[in-house]
């Protein structure tokens, strides 16, 4: 086995790094390449296209994800069954080198003894059954049925993790959960781009941002705006920004007199994040870690969240937490009249740069590659 070669199986095309899972995968790939690991990057492509940027970091191979309705009748979860690729199995069988599976989505090949015998790592981005149960809220009947079915299948399928040699969890608070399947579970913080946060002059507006094509994020916008509509003030506007907002969401925001900036450039979004006086976040899903939360914390703006968003993340100390609409509304009014101090910003900056140093955190993968012998 070569200690310097690693296969990475990505559940989606990880570039552009424009949503949480892609950010976590892409910057881990970038960090491992910088650390001298020779990478073969296996990518399931189903709409994001082939990306030349990935070729800077290793050999890239693409596979088709098959979204057949017949997968609904499989014992495997849909997100796994749709990524069961014979072509990928053949490619991985060409050597004996370690494999990193990104997400439970890609762990189906652990069912094969030839793969199970290898040095394998499984990176968990969420507790997937919890995530899918959370997606049922605010969904249509058919989507609720699918999400409930998928959550049940995912709960049963998590046992596949016992076949991986090591499991990496995204939150320290999730270690005990995953150790029920694999005692060799390790805390690997979210991979994150070099942080350019600065104590910049803020402007009087609040920001809601995220990948708006994701149901969870769209529901968050509805919840936040409904909670705050009684105290909205044109002198302190709310801006909604992110990828591919739906017509329904745009119409709702227009009715609320809230500006929507769809598909901002990276520079535009970074400016919005750095200059917002208040960041507004909410989620129904108490799983994983929201990488947009890290970006918000590394600005000079206040961060108003519900407890699901910071649960087990270690980031609660830097946020204002409110779960009920009335409480959320009261905190919003208070934060409008208070600017963060340089000392408060420096505390947040020190924590983020220490705990979310991607290259340093990824060294755990190198250590396990070097110290594990088949």
Protein backbone atom coordinates (compact mmCIF):
# COMPACT_ATOMS: atom_id res chain seq x y z
CA UNK A 1 0.00 0.00 0.00
CA UNK A 2 1.25 3.47 -0.85
CA UNK A 3 0.95 5.79 2.15
CA UNK A 4 0.77 8.80 -0.15
CA UNK A 5 -2.07 7.81 -2.48
CA UNK A 6 -5.72 8.17 -1.50
CA UNK A 7 -8.96 7.57 -3.37
CA UNK A 8 -11.72 10.06 -2.50
CA UNK A 9 -15.28 9.17 -3.51
CA UNK A 10 -17.39 12.35 -3.68
CA UNK A 11 -21.17 12.18 -3.44
CA UNK A 12 -21.47 15.18 -5.81
CA UNK A 13 -19.20 17.42 -7.86
CA UNK A 14 -17.43 19.37 -5.09
CA UNK A 15 -16.71 22.45 -7.19
CA UNK A 16 -17.86 25.16 -7.28
CA UNK A 17 -17.82 25.08 -3.48
CA UNK A 18 -21.18 26.82 -3.20
CA UNK A 19 -23.04 24.74 -0.61
CA UNK A 20 -22.10 23.07 2.66
CA UNK A 21 -21.29 19.56 1.44
CA UNK A 22 -19.30 20.83 -1.55
CA UNK A 23 -17.34 23.24 0.66
CA UNK A 24 -16.43 20.47 3.10
CA UNK A 25 -15.31 18.11 0.31
CA UNK A 26 -13.50 20.63 -1.89
CA UNK A 27 -11.36 22.25 0.79
CA UNK A 28 -10.45 18.84 2.22
CA UNK A 29 -9.27 17.81 -1.26
CA UNK A 30 -7.31 21.05 -1.55
CA UNK A 31 -5.73 20.60 1.90
CA UNK A 32 -4.76 16.96 1.31
CA UNK A 33 -3.15 17.92 -2.00
CA UNK A 34 -1.19 20.67 -0.23
CA UNK A 35 -0.08 18.13 2.38
CA UNK A 36 1.47 16.02 -0.39
CA UNK A 37 -1.17 13.31 -0.85
CA UNK A 38 -1.55 11.93 -4.37
CA UNK A 39 -5.31 11.92 -4.95
CA UNK A 40 -7.64 10.07 -7.27
CA UNK A 41 -10.96 11.93 -7.04
CA UNK A 42 -14.04 9.87 -7.96
CA UNK A 43 -17.06 12.10 -8.55
CA UNK A 44 -20.77 11.43 -9.04
CA UNK A 45 -21.98 14.01 -11.56
CA UNK A 46 -25.71 14.68 -11.94
CA UNK A 47 -26.13 18.25 -13.07
CA UNK A 48 -23.17 20.31 -11.87
CA UNK A 49 -20.95 19.39 -14.79
CA UNK A 50 -17.30 18.38 -15.07
CA UNK A 51 -14.99 20.90 -13.44
CA UNK A 52 -11.44 21.53 -14.68
CA UNK A 53 -10.58 23.11 -11.30
CA UNK A 54 -10.56 19.66 -9.68
CA UNK A 55 -7.78 18.50 -12.01
CA UNK A 56 -5.36 20.78 -10.11
CA UNK A 57 -5.55 18.41 -7.17
CA UNK A 58 -5.38 14.94 -8.69
CA UNK A 59 -6.74 12.50 -11.25
CA UNK A 60 -10.50 13.00 -11.64
CA UNK A 61 -12.96 10.31 -12.71
CA UNK A 62 -16.68 10.91 -13.21
CA UNK A 63 -19.60 8.51 -12.72
CA UNK A 64 -23.27 8.77 -13.53
CA UNK A 65 -25.77 8.77 -10.68
CA UNK A 66 -28.83 6.74 -11.73
CA UNK A 67 -32.02 8.31 -10.39
CA UNK A 68 -34.44 5.55 -11.35
CA UNK A 69 -37.83 5.42 -9.65
CA UNK A 70 -37.13 1.70 -9.19
CA UNK A 71 -34.55 2.65 -6.54
CA UNK A 72 -37.47 3.49 -4.24
CA UNK A 73 -38.12 -0.26 -3.95
CA UNK A 74 -34.55 -1.08 -2.92
CA UNK A 75 -33.68 -1.99 0.67
CA UNK A 76 -30.85 0.50 0.37
CA UNK A 77 -31.64 4.21 0.82
CA UNK A 78 -32.22 6.04 -2.46
CA UNK A 79 -29.16 8.24 -1.91
CA UNK A 80 -27.03 5.07 -1.68
CA UNK A 81 -28.69 2.91 -4.34
CA UNK A 82 -28.44 5.70 -6.92
CA UNK A 83 -24.64 5.71 -6.42
CA UNK A 84 -24.00 1.95 -6.64
CA UNK A 85 -21.61 1.95 -9.59
CA UNK A 86 -19.91 -1.15 -11.05
CA UNK A 87 -17.59 1.19 -12.91
CA UNK A 88 -16.50 2.79 -9.62
CA UNK A 89 -16.01 -0.64 -8.01
CA UNK A 90 -13.74 -1.65 -10.92
CA UNK A 91 -11.73 1.58 -10.64
CA UNK A 92 -11.22 1.20 -6.88
CA UNK A 93 -10.19 -2.43 -7.33
CA UNK A 94 -7.20 -1.44 -9.47
CA UNK A 95 -4.93 -1.08 -6.43
CA UNK A 96 -4.88 -1.62 -2.66
CA UNK A 97 -4.66 2.02 -1.58
CA UNK A 98 -6.87 3.74 1.05
CA UNK A 99 -10.33 5.05 0.20
CA UNK A 100 -12.21 7.97 1.72
CA UNK A 101 -15.98 7.74 1.21
CA UNK A 102 -17.67 11.14 1.43
CA UNK A 103 -21.07 10.75 3.05
CA UNK A 104 -23.18 7.70 3.83
CA UNK A 105 -24.36 8.24 0.24
CA UNK A 106 -21.16 6.66 -1.15
CA UNK A 107 -20.67 3.86 1.39
CA UNK A 108 -22.54 1.20 -0.60
CA UNK A 109 -19.32 -0.28 -1.93
CA UNK A 110 -18.34 -1.23 1.63
CA UNK A 111 -20.74 -4.14 1.11
CA UNK A 112 -18.12 -5.79 -1.13
CA UNK A 113 -15.50 -7.86 0.75
CA UNK A 114 -12.69 -6.65 -1.55
CA UNK A 115 -13.41 -3.05 -0.47
CA UNK A 116 -14.08 -3.90 3.17
CA UNK A 117 -10.59 -5.43 3.39
CA UNK A 118 -8.99 -2.12 2.42
CA UNK A 119 -8.07 0.80 4.66
CA UNK A 120 -11.32 2.76 4.38
CA UNK A 121 -12.54 6.02 5.85
CA UNK A 122 -16.15 7.25 5.92
CA UNK A 123 -16.81 10.99 6.34
CA UNK A 124 -20.23 11.75 7.82
CA UNK A 125 -21.61 15.19 6.93
CA UNK A 126 -24.78 14.68 8.96
CA UNK A 127 -26.67 12.16 11.01
CA UNK A 128 -28.62 11.41 7.85
CA UNK A 129 -31.81 9.90 9.38
CA UNK A 130 -32.22 13.05 11.50
CA UNK A 131 -31.51 15.25 8.50
CA UNK A 132 -34.16 13.57 6.36
CA UNK A 133 -36.73 13.63 9.15
CA UNK A 134 -36.09 17.37 9.43
CA UNK A 135 -36.73 17.82 5.71
CA UNK A 136 -40.32 16.63 6.14
CA UNK A 137 -41.30 19.90 7.79
CA UNK A 138 -42.96 22.22 5.29
CA UNK A 139 -42.76 19.65 2.47
CA UNK A 140 -45.55 18.44 0.19
CA UNK A 141 -47.27 15.11 0.90
CA UNK A 142 -45.20 13.16 -1.64
CA UNK A 143 -41.93 14.65 -0.44
CA UNK A 144 -42.86 13.95 3.19
CA UNK A 145 -43.56 10.33 2.25
CA UNK A 146 -40.20 10.04 0.50
CA UNK A 147 -38.27 11.73 3.32
CA UNK A 148 -39.88 9.51 5.98
CA UNK A 149 -39.14 6.39 3.90
CA UNK A 150 -35.56 7.49 3.31
CA UNK A 151 -35.01 8.29 7.00
CA UNK A 152 -36.13 4.78 8.01
CA UNK A 153 -33.87 3.16 5.42
CA UNK A 154 -30.93 5.36 6.39
CA UNK A 155 -31.29 4.45 10.05
CA UNK A 156 -31.02 0.75 9.19
CA UNK A 157 -28.25 1.29 6.65
CA UNK A 158 -25.96 3.17 9.04
CA UNK A 159 -24.77 -0.24 10.24
CA UNK A 160 -22.63 -0.35 7.06
CA UNK A 161 -20.24 1.99 8.90
CA UNK A 162 -19.02 -1.00 10.94
CA UNK A 163 -17.29 -2.14 7.74
CA UNK A 164 -15.24 1.06 7.47
CA UNK A 165 -11.94 1.11 9.36
CA UNK A 166 -12.47 4.69 10.54
CA UNK A 167 -15.36 7.16 10.63
CA UNK A 168 -14.91 10.94 10.64
CA UNK A 169 -17.70 12.99 12.24
CA UNK A 170 -18.30 16.68 11.63
CA UNK A 171 -19.32 17.56 15.21
CA UNK A 172 -17.66 16.36 18.39
CA UNK A 173 -21.08 15.91 19.95
CA UNK A 174 -21.87 13.23 17.34
CA UNK A 175 -18.95 10.97 18.30
CA UNK A 176 -20.94 8.78 20.68
CA UNK A 177 -23.69 8.36 18.10
CA UNK A 178 -21.32 7.02 15.44
CA UNK A 179 -19.28 4.94 17.89
CA UNK A 180 -22.29 2.62 18.19
CA UNK A 181 -21.31 1.48 14.68
CA UNK A 182 -17.55 2.04 14.64
CA UNK A 183 -15.43 2.58 17.73
CA UNK A 184 -12.73 4.10 15.54
CA UNK A 185 -14.71 7.30 15.09
CA UNK A 186 -12.87 10.61 15.11
CA UNK A 187 -13.85 14.27 15.22
CA UNK A 188 -12.83 15.95 11.94
CA UNK A 189 -14.10 19.57 11.85
CA UNK A 190 -15.65 20.94 8.70
CA UNK A 191 -13.15 21.82 6.00
CA UNK A 192 -13.34 25.50 5.22
CA UNK A 193 -11.66 28.01 2.89
CA UNK A 194 -8.99 30.37 4.22
CA UNK A 195 -11.01 32.85 6.26
CA UNK A 196 -10.78 36.46 5.17
CA UNK A 197 -12.91 37.89 7.95
CA UNK A 198 -12.02 41.33 9.20
CA UNK A 199 -13.35 43.86 11.66
CA UNK A 200 -14.92 45.94 8.90
CA UNK A 201 -17.38 48.80 9.10
CA UNK A 202 -20.86 47.31 9.15
CA UNK A 203 -23.97 48.65 7.43
CA UNK A 204 -27.49 48.76 8.80
CA UNK A 205 -29.10 45.69 7.32
CA UNK A 206 -29.74 42.06 8.21
CA UNK A 207 -28.76 39.18 5.93
CA UNK A 208 -30.26 35.75 5.28
CA UNK A 209 -28.08 33.70 2.95
CA UNK A 210 -27.67 30.13 1.75
CA UNK A 211 -28.36 27.81 -1.16
CA UNK A 212 -31.97 28.82 -1.72
CA UNK A 213 -32.64 25.88 -4.05
CA UNK A 214 -32.48 23.62 -0.98
CA UNK A 215 -35.88 23.15 0.68
CA UNK A 216 -34.40 23.44 4.18
CA UNK A 217 -32.98 26.89 3.39
CA UNK A 218 -36.14 28.11 1.68
CA UNK A 219 -38.19 27.06 4.71
CA UNK A 220 -35.74 28.97 6.92
CA UNK A 221 -36.44 32.19 4.99
CA UNK A 222 -40.21 31.75 5.45
CA UNK A 223 -39.81 31.11 9.18
CA UNK A 224 -37.51 34.09 9.77
CA UNK A 225 -39.55 36.59 7.78
CA UNK A 226 -42.82 35.43 9.33
CA UNK A 227 -41.25 35.76 12.78
CA UNK A 228 -39.98 39.29 12.09
CA UNK A 229 -42.67 40.81 9.89
CA UNK A 230 -44.19 42.80 12.78
CA UNK A 231 -40.91 44.62 13.47
CA UNK A 232 -39.56 45.11 9.93
CA UNK A 233 -38.36 48.64 9.33
CA UNK A 234 -37.35 50.18 5.96
CA UNK A 235 -34.49 51.98 7.74
CA UNK A 236 -33.02 48.56 8.63
CA UNK A 237 -33.74 46.32 5.61
CA UNK A 238 -33.48 42.55 5.40
CA UNK A 239 -31.63 41.10 2.40
CA UNK A 240 -32.06 37.51 1.20
CA UNK A 241 -29.26 36.19 -0.99
CA UNK A 242 -28.25 32.83 -2.41
CA UNK A 243 -28.35 30.32 -5.20
CA UNK A 244 -31.44 29.77 -7.37
CA UNK A 245 -34.31 31.24 -5.32
CA UNK A 246 -37.68 29.86 -6.43
CA UNK A 247 -40.39 32.05 -7.95
CA UNK A 248 -42.51 31.30 -4.90
CA UNK A 249 -39.77 32.55 -2.56
CA UNK A 250 -39.16 35.70 -4.61
CA UNK A 251 -42.91 36.46 -4.63
CA UNK A 252 -43.10 35.95 -0.86
CA UNK A 253 -40.15 38.29 -0.27
CA UNK A 254 -41.63 40.91 -2.59
CA UNK A 255 -44.84 40.80 -0.57
CA UNK A 256 -42.76 41.36 2.58
CA UNK A 257 -40.80 44.22 0.92
CA UNK A 258 -37.61 42.21 1.30
CA UNK A 259 -34.86 42.42 -1.33
CA UNK A 260 -33.73 39.16 -2.94
CA UNK A 261 -30.30 38.93 -4.55
CA UNK A 262 -30.25 35.63 -6.42
CA UNK A 263 -27.05 33.89 -7.56
CA UNK A 264 -24.57 36.46 -6.21
CA UNK A 265 -20.93 36.23 -7.24
CA UNK A 266 -18.53 35.01 -4.57
CA UNK A 267 -17.27 38.57 -4.16
CA UNK A 268 -20.79 39.98 -3.82
CA UNK A 269 -21.74 37.39 -1.20
CA UNK A 270 -18.54 37.89 0.79
CA UNK A 271 -19.18 41.65 0.85
CA UNK A 272 -22.76 41.10 2.00
CA UNK A 273 -21.56 38.81 4.78
CA UNK A 274 -18.79 41.13 5.94
CA UNK A 275 -20.96 44.25 6.05
CA UNK A 276 -24.20 42.92 7.59
CA UNK A 277 -24.96 44.13 11.10
CA UNK A 278 -27.09 41.04 11.80
CA UNK A 279 -27.02 37.55 10.30
CA UNK A 280 -30.33 35.69 10.49
CA UNK A 281 -30.24 31.88 10.46
CA UNK A 282 -32.68 29.10 11.27
CA UNK A 283 -32.98 25.37 10.66
CA UNK A 284 -35.40 22.58 11.51
CA UNK A 285 -32.60 20.02 11.20
CA UNK A 286 -30.38 19.53 14.30
CA UNK A 287 -27.66 17.67 12.43
CA UNK A 288 -24.24 18.41 10.97
CA UNK A 289 -22.79 21.91 11.03
CA UNK A 290 -23.90 24.74 8.79
CA UNK A 291 -20.80 26.11 7.11
CA UNK A 292 -22.55 29.41 6.42
CA UNK A 293 -22.63 29.82 10.21
CA UNK A 294 -18.81 29.86 10.25
CA UNK A 295 -18.74 32.57 7.58
CA UNK A 296 -21.21 34.68 9.56
CA UNK A 297 -19.28 34.31 12.81
CA UNK A 298 -16.14 35.46 11.05
CA UNK A 299 -17.61 38.89 10.35
CA UNK A 300 -18.29 41.92 12.53
CA UNK A 301 -22.03 41.21 12.53
CA UNK A 302 -24.26 39.69 15.20
CA UNK A 303 -25.50 36.14 14.54
CA UNK A 304 -29.10 35.34 15.50
CA UNK A 305 -29.92 31.63 15.32
CA UNK A 306 -32.15 28.93 16.76
CA UNK A 307 -30.67 26.22 18.97
CA UNK A 308 -30.82 23.52 16.26
CA UNK A 309 -28.25 25.46 14.28
CA UNK A 310 -25.57 25.57 16.97
CA UNK A 311 -26.32 22.34 18.85
CA UNK A 312 -23.06 20.53 19.60
CA UNK A 313 -21.01 22.86 17.38
CA UNK A 314 -19.09 24.79 20.05
CA UNK A 315 -20.25 28.00 18.37
CA UNK A 316 -23.20 28.87 20.62
CA UNK A 317 -20.99 31.22 22.66
CA UNK A 318 -20.70 33.55 19.67
CA UNK A 319 -24.39 33.66 18.79
CA UNK A 320 -27.69 34.96 20.11
CA UNK A 321 -30.04 31.97 20.36
CA UNK A 322 -33.84 32.14 20.13
CA UNK A 323 -36.26 29.33 19.30
CA UNK A 324 -39.69 30.95 19.48
CA UNK A 325 -40.79 33.66 17.02
CA UNK A 326 -41.51 36.19 19.80
CA UNK A 327 -38.07 35.64 21.35
CA UNK A 328 -36.40 35.83 17.93
CA UNK A 329 -38.21 39.10 17.26
CA UNK A 330 -37.16 40.66 20.58
CA UNK A 331 -33.51 39.77 20.06
CA UNK A 332 -33.60 41.15 16.52
CA UNK A 333 -34.84 44.52 17.79
CA UNK A 334 -32.14 44.59 20.44
CA UNK A 335 -29.30 43.69 18.06
CA UNK A 336 -30.32 46.48 15.67
CA UNK A 337 -29.22 48.95 18.33
CA UNK A 338 -25.88 47.38 19.23
CA UNK A 339 -22.64 47.13 17.28
CA UNK A 340 -20.02 44.50 18.00
CA UNK A 341 -16.79 45.56 19.69
CA UNK A 342 -13.31 44.79 18.37
CA UNK A 343 -12.69 42.62 21.44
CA UNK A 344 -15.76 40.49 20.69
CA UNK A 345 -14.65 40.08 17.09
CA UNK A 346 -11.11 39.10 18.11
CA UNK A 347 -12.46 36.35 20.38
CA UNK A 348 -14.50 34.88 17.54
CA UNK A 349 -11.59 35.22 15.09
CA UNK A 350 -9.20 33.37 17.43
CA UNK A 351 -11.64 30.49 17.95
CA UNK A 352 -12.45 29.99 14.27
CA UNK A 353 -8.86 30.15 13.04
CA UNK A 354 -7.75 27.71 15.75
CA UNK A 355 -10.52 25.13 15.48
CA UNK A 356 -11.21 25.30 11.74
CA UNK A 357 -7.68 25.14 10.35
CA UNK A 358 -8.36 22.73 7.49
CA UNK A 359 -4.78 21.67 6.75
CA UNK A 360 -4.04 21.01 10.42
CA UNK A 361 -7.27 19.08 10.89
CA UNK A 362 -6.70 16.94 7.78
CA UNK A 363 -3.41 15.67 9.19
CA UNK A 364 -5.46 13.10 11.10
CA UNK A 365 -6.09 11.37 7.76
CA UNK A 366 -2.35 11.28 7.01
CA UNK A 367 -1.56 9.92 10.47
CA UNK A 368 -4.08 7.11 10.08
CA UNK A 369 -2.77 6.30 6.60
CA UNK A 370 0.80 6.12 7.90
CA UNK A 371 0.06 4.22 11.10
CA UNK A 372 -2.41 1.64 9.80
CA UNK A 373 -1.04 -1.48 8.16
CA UNK A 374 -3.12 -3.98 6.31
